[in-house]
Amino acid sequence: MHCHRNTRSGPFPNWMLSTGVGFGGKTDDVDWDVIGKNNPSGRVGTPEDIAGLAIFLCSRAGQYVAGQTIACDGSVVGTS
């Protein structure tokens, strides 16, 4: 993704989103509450959680961030 001021970012790694990314889009039989209990934040991530990170990286505040993997996962990586 290219943002203004030549800021660049790649795909956003994530743990599990309520969109079913980790389930190949098949979410009909998914119990999100059970999955969320396995996350230190106590919930499953939402598209808005990822949007916040994208907005930061595309803003002036994130213009000097480069070559980093930022875990947007409710602290799964930090507690593994």
N, C-alpha and C. Protein backbone atom coordinates (compact mmCIF):
# COMPACT_ATOMS: atom_id res chain seq x y z
N MET A 1 0.85 -1.16 0.00
CA MET A 1 0.00 0.00 0.00
C MET A 1 0.90 1.23 0.00
N HIS A 2 0.59 2.18 -0.83
CA HIS A 2 1.33 3.44 -0.86
C HIS A 2 0.44 4.53 -0.27
N CYS A 3 0.99 5.24 0.67
CA CYS A 3 0.28 6.35 1.29
C CYS A 3 0.95 7.64 0.83
N HIS A 4 0.46 8.75 1.30
CA HIS A 4 1.07 10.02 0.90
C HIS A 4 2.50 10.13 1.43
N ARG A 5 3.26 11.01 0.88
CA ARG A 5 4.65 11.26 1.27
C ARG A 5 5.53 10.02 1.09
N ASN A 6 5.22 9.19 0.12
CA ASN A 6 6.02 8.01 -0.18
C ASN A 6 6.13 7.01 0.97
N THR A 7 5.23 7.07 1.91
CA THR A 7 5.20 6.08 2.98
C THR A 7 4.76 4.76 2.36
N ARG A 8 5.42 3.68 2.74
CA ARG A 8 5.04 2.38 2.19
C ARG A 8 4.77 1.41 3.33
N SER A 9 3.82 0.56 3.09
CA SER A 9 3.58 -0.54 4.03
C SER A 9 3.10 -1.73 3.23
N GLY A 10 3.28 -2.90 3.80
CA GLY A 10 2.86 -4.12 3.15
C GLY A 10 1.60 -4.65 3.80
N PRO A 11 1.37 -5.93 3.63
CA PRO A 11 0.20 -6.55 4.25
C PRO A 11 0.27 -6.43 5.77
N PHE A 12 -0.88 -6.41 6.38
CA PHE A 12 -0.95 -6.31 7.83
C PHE A 12 -1.10 -7.69 8.43
N PRO A 13 -0.06 -8.20 9.09
CA PRO A 13 -0.21 -9.50 9.74
C PRO A 13 -1.20 -9.37 10.89
N ASN A 14 -1.94 -10.38 11.13
CA ASN A 14 -2.92 -10.32 12.23
C ASN A 14 -3.11 -11.70 12.81
N TRP A 15 -3.74 -11.74 13.95
CA TRP A 15 -4.02 -13.00 14.61
C TRP A 15 -5.31 -13.58 14.06
N MET A 16 -6.40 -13.04 14.40
CA MET A 16 -7.69 -13.54 13.94
C MET A 16 -8.66 -12.37 13.92
N LEU A 17 -9.31 -12.19 12.81
CA LEU A 17 -10.28 -11.11 12.68
C LEU A 17 -11.69 -11.68 12.58
N SER A 18 -12.65 -10.89 12.97
CA SER A 18 -14.04 -11.32 12.91
C SER A 18 -14.53 -11.49 11.48
N THR A 19 -13.69 -11.17 10.51
CA THR A 19 -14.05 -11.35 9.10
C THR A 19 -13.83 -12.78 8.64
N GLY A 20 -13.14 -13.59 9.42
CA GLY A 20 -12.89 -14.98 9.05
C GLY A 20 -11.62 -15.17 8.25
N VAL A 21 -10.72 -14.20 8.28
CA VAL A 21 -9.47 -14.31 7.52
C VAL A 21 -8.76 -15.62 7.85
N GLY A 22 -8.68 -15.98 9.10
CA GLY A 22 -7.98 -17.19 9.50
C GLY A 22 -8.74 -18.47 9.23
N PHE A 23 -9.98 -18.32 8.78
CA PHE A 23 -10.81 -19.49 8.49
C PHE A 23 -11.11 -19.62 7.01
N GLY A 24 -10.37 -18.92 6.18
CA GLY A 24 -10.63 -18.96 4.74
C GLY A 24 -11.98 -18.37 4.37
N GLY A 25 -12.48 -17.46 5.19
CA GLY A 25 -13.75 -16.80 4.92
C GLY A 25 -14.98 -17.57 5.36
N LYS A 26 -14.79 -18.79 5.88
CA LYS A 26 -15.92 -19.61 6.31
C LYS A 26 -16.20 -19.34 7.79
N THR A 27 -17.24 -18.57 8.05
CA THR A 27 -17.50 -18.13 9.42
C THR A 27 -18.86 -18.57 9.96
N ASP A 28 -19.60 -19.35 9.22
CA ASP A 28 -20.96 -19.71 9.64
C ASP A 28 -21.00 -20.43 10.98
N ASP A 29 -20.06 -21.33 11.23
CA ASP A 29 -20.09 -22.13 12.45
C ASP A 29 -19.02 -21.72 13.46
N VAL A 30 -18.52 -20.51 13.35
CA VAL A 30 -17.44 -20.06 14.23
C VAL A 30 -18.03 -19.42 15.49
N ASP A 31 -17.57 -19.86 16.64
CA ASP A 31 -17.97 -19.26 17.91
C ASP A 31 -16.91 -18.22 18.29
N TRP A 32 -17.14 -16.97 17.91
CA TRP A 32 -16.15 -15.91 18.11
C TRP A 32 -15.84 -15.68 19.58
N ASP A 33 -16.79 -15.90 20.47
CA ASP A 33 -16.54 -15.72 21.90
C ASP A 33 -15.49 -16.72 22.40
N VAL A 34 -15.58 -17.95 21.97
CA VAL A 34 -14.61 -18.97 22.38
C VAL A 34 -13.23 -18.62 21.83
N ILE A 35 -13.17 -18.22 20.58
CA ILE A 35 -11.88 -17.85 19.99
C ILE A 35 -11.30 -16.64 20.69
N GLY A 36 -12.13 -15.66 20.99
CA GLY A 36 -11.66 -14.46 21.67
C GLY A 36 -11.09 -14.73 23.05
N LYS A 37 -11.61 -15.74 23.73
CA LYS A 37 -11.10 -16.07 25.07
C LYS A 37 -9.66 -16.58 25.02
N ASN A 38 -9.21 -17.04 23.88
CA ASN A 38 -7.83 -17.49 23.72
C ASN A 38 -6.87 -16.34 23.41
N ASN A 39 -7.40 -15.16 23.24
CA ASN A 39 -6.59 -13.98 22.96
C ASN A 39 -6.41 -13.20 24.26
N PRO A 40 -5.21 -12.74 24.58
CA PRO A 40 -4.99 -11.99 25.82
C PRO A 40 -5.89 -10.77 25.96
N SER A 41 -6.33 -10.19 24.84
CA SER A 41 -7.23 -9.03 24.92
C SER A 41 -8.66 -9.45 25.26
N GLY A 42 -8.94 -10.76 25.17
CA GLY A 42 -10.26 -11.26 25.50
C GLY A 42 -11.28 -11.16 24.39
N ARG A 43 -10.83 -10.81 23.20
CA ARG A 43 -11.77 -10.68 22.09
C ARG A 43 -11.05 -10.94 20.76
N VAL A 44 -11.85 -11.07 19.72
CA VAL A 44 -11.33 -11.24 18.38
C VAL A 44 -11.18 -9.84 17.77
N GLY A 45 -10.16 -9.67 16.94
CA GLY A 45 -9.95 -8.37 16.30
C GLY A 45 -11.02 -8.05 15.29
N THR A 46 -11.16 -6.76 15.02
CA THR A 46 -12.15 -6.28 14.06
C THR A 46 -11.44 -5.54 12.93
N PRO A 47 -12.12 -5.33 11.82
CA PRO A 47 -11.52 -4.52 10.76
C PRO A 47 -11.12 -3.13 11.25
N GLU A 48 -11.85 -2.60 12.21
CA GLU A 48 -11.53 -1.28 12.75
C GLU A 48 -10.17 -1.29 13.47
N ASP A 49 -9.82 -2.42 14.09
CA ASP A 49 -8.51 -2.53 14.74
C ASP A 49 -7.40 -2.40 13.71
N ILE A 50 -7.55 -3.06 12.58
CA ILE A 50 -6.55 -2.98 11.52
C ILE A 50 -6.57 -1.59 10.89
N ALA A 51 -7.75 -1.00 10.75
CA ALA A 51 -7.86 0.34 10.16
C ALA A 51 -7.08 1.36 10.98
N GLY A 52 -7.12 1.23 12.31
CA GLY A 52 -6.37 2.16 13.16
C GLY A 52 -4.89 2.12 12.87
N LEU A 53 -4.35 0.92 12.68
CA LEU A 53 -2.94 0.77 12.36
C LEU A 53 -2.64 1.35 10.98
N ALA A 54 -3.51 1.09 10.02
CA ALA A 54 -3.31 1.62 8.67
C ALA A 54 -3.34 3.14 8.67
N ILE A 55 -4.26 3.72 9.41
CA ILE A 55 -4.34 5.18 9.49
C ILE A 55 -3.07 5.75 10.10
N PHE A 56 -2.57 5.13 11.16
CA PHE A 56 -1.32 5.59 11.76
C PHE A 56 -0.18 5.54 10.75
N LEU A 57 -0.03 4.41 10.05
CA LEU A 57 1.08 4.27 9.12
C LEU A 57 0.98 5.23 7.94
N CYS A 58 -0.23 5.62 7.58
CA CYS A 58 -0.41 6.55 6.47
C CYS A 58 -0.40 8.01 6.92
N SER A 59 -0.33 8.23 8.21
CA SER A 59 -0.35 9.60 8.72
C SER A 59 1.06 10.15 8.88
N ARG A 60 1.15 11.41 9.17
CA ARG A 60 2.44 12.04 9.43
C ARG A 60 3.13 11.37 10.62
N ALA A 61 2.36 10.93 11.60
CA ALA A 61 2.94 10.29 12.79
C ALA A 61 3.70 9.01 12.45
N GLY A 62 3.31 8.32 11.40
CA GLY A 62 3.97 7.08 11.03
C GLY A 62 4.93 7.20 9.86
N GLN A 63 5.24 8.41 9.44
CA GLN A 63 6.03 8.59 8.23
C GLN A 63 7.46 8.09 8.33
N TYR A 64 7.99 7.92 9.52
CA TYR A 64 9.37 7.48 9.66
C TYR A 64 9.46 5.99 10.00
N VAL A 65 8.34 5.32 10.07
CA VAL A 65 8.30 3.89 10.35
C VAL A 65 8.53 3.15 9.03
N ALA A 66 9.53 2.28 9.01
CA ALA A 66 9.82 1.52 7.79
C ALA A 66 10.44 0.18 8.16
N GLY A 67 10.14 -0.83 7.38
CA GLY A 67 10.76 -2.14 7.55
C GLY A 67 10.41 -2.84 8.85
N GLN A 68 9.23 -2.61 9.36
CA GLN A 68 8.82 -3.20 10.63
C GLN A 68 7.63 -4.12 10.44
N THR A 69 7.55 -5.13 11.27
CA THR A 69 6.33 -5.93 11.37
C THR A 69 5.66 -5.52 12.66
N ILE A 70 4.51 -4.93 12.55
CA ILE A 70 3.78 -4.47 13.72
C ILE A 70 2.64 -5.45 13.95
N ALA A 71 2.67 -6.13 15.06
CA ALA A 71 1.64 -7.13 15.36
C ALA A 71 0.37 -6.43 15.83
N CYS A 72 -0.68 -6.61 15.09
CA CYS A 72 -1.99 -6.07 15.46
C CYS A 72 -2.85 -7.29 15.80
N ASP A 73 -2.60 -7.83 17.02
CA ASP A 73 -3.15 -9.14 17.34
C ASP A 73 -3.71 -9.26 18.76
N GLY A 74 -3.94 -8.15 19.43
CA GLY A 74 -4.47 -8.22 20.78
C GLY A 74 -3.48 -8.75 21.81
N SER A 75 -2.20 -8.70 21.49
CA SER A 75 -1.11 -9.09 22.37
C SER A 75 -0.77 -10.58 22.32
N VAL A 76 -1.20 -11.28 21.29
CA VAL A 76 -0.87 -12.70 21.14
C VAL A 76 0.65 -12.88 21.04
N VAL A 77 1.30 -12.10 20.17
CA VAL A 77 2.75 -12.22 19.99
C VAL A 77 3.49 -11.87 21.26
N GLY A 78 3.06 -10.85 21.96
CA GLY A 78 3.73 -10.41 23.18
C GLY A 78 3.65 -11.38 24.33
N THR A 79 2.72 -12.31 24.27
CA THR A 79 2.54 -13.26 25.37
C THR A 79 2.88 -14.69 24.97
N SER A 80 3.31 -14.89 23.73
CA SER A 80 3.62 -16.25 23.26
C SER A 80 4.91 -16.75 23.85
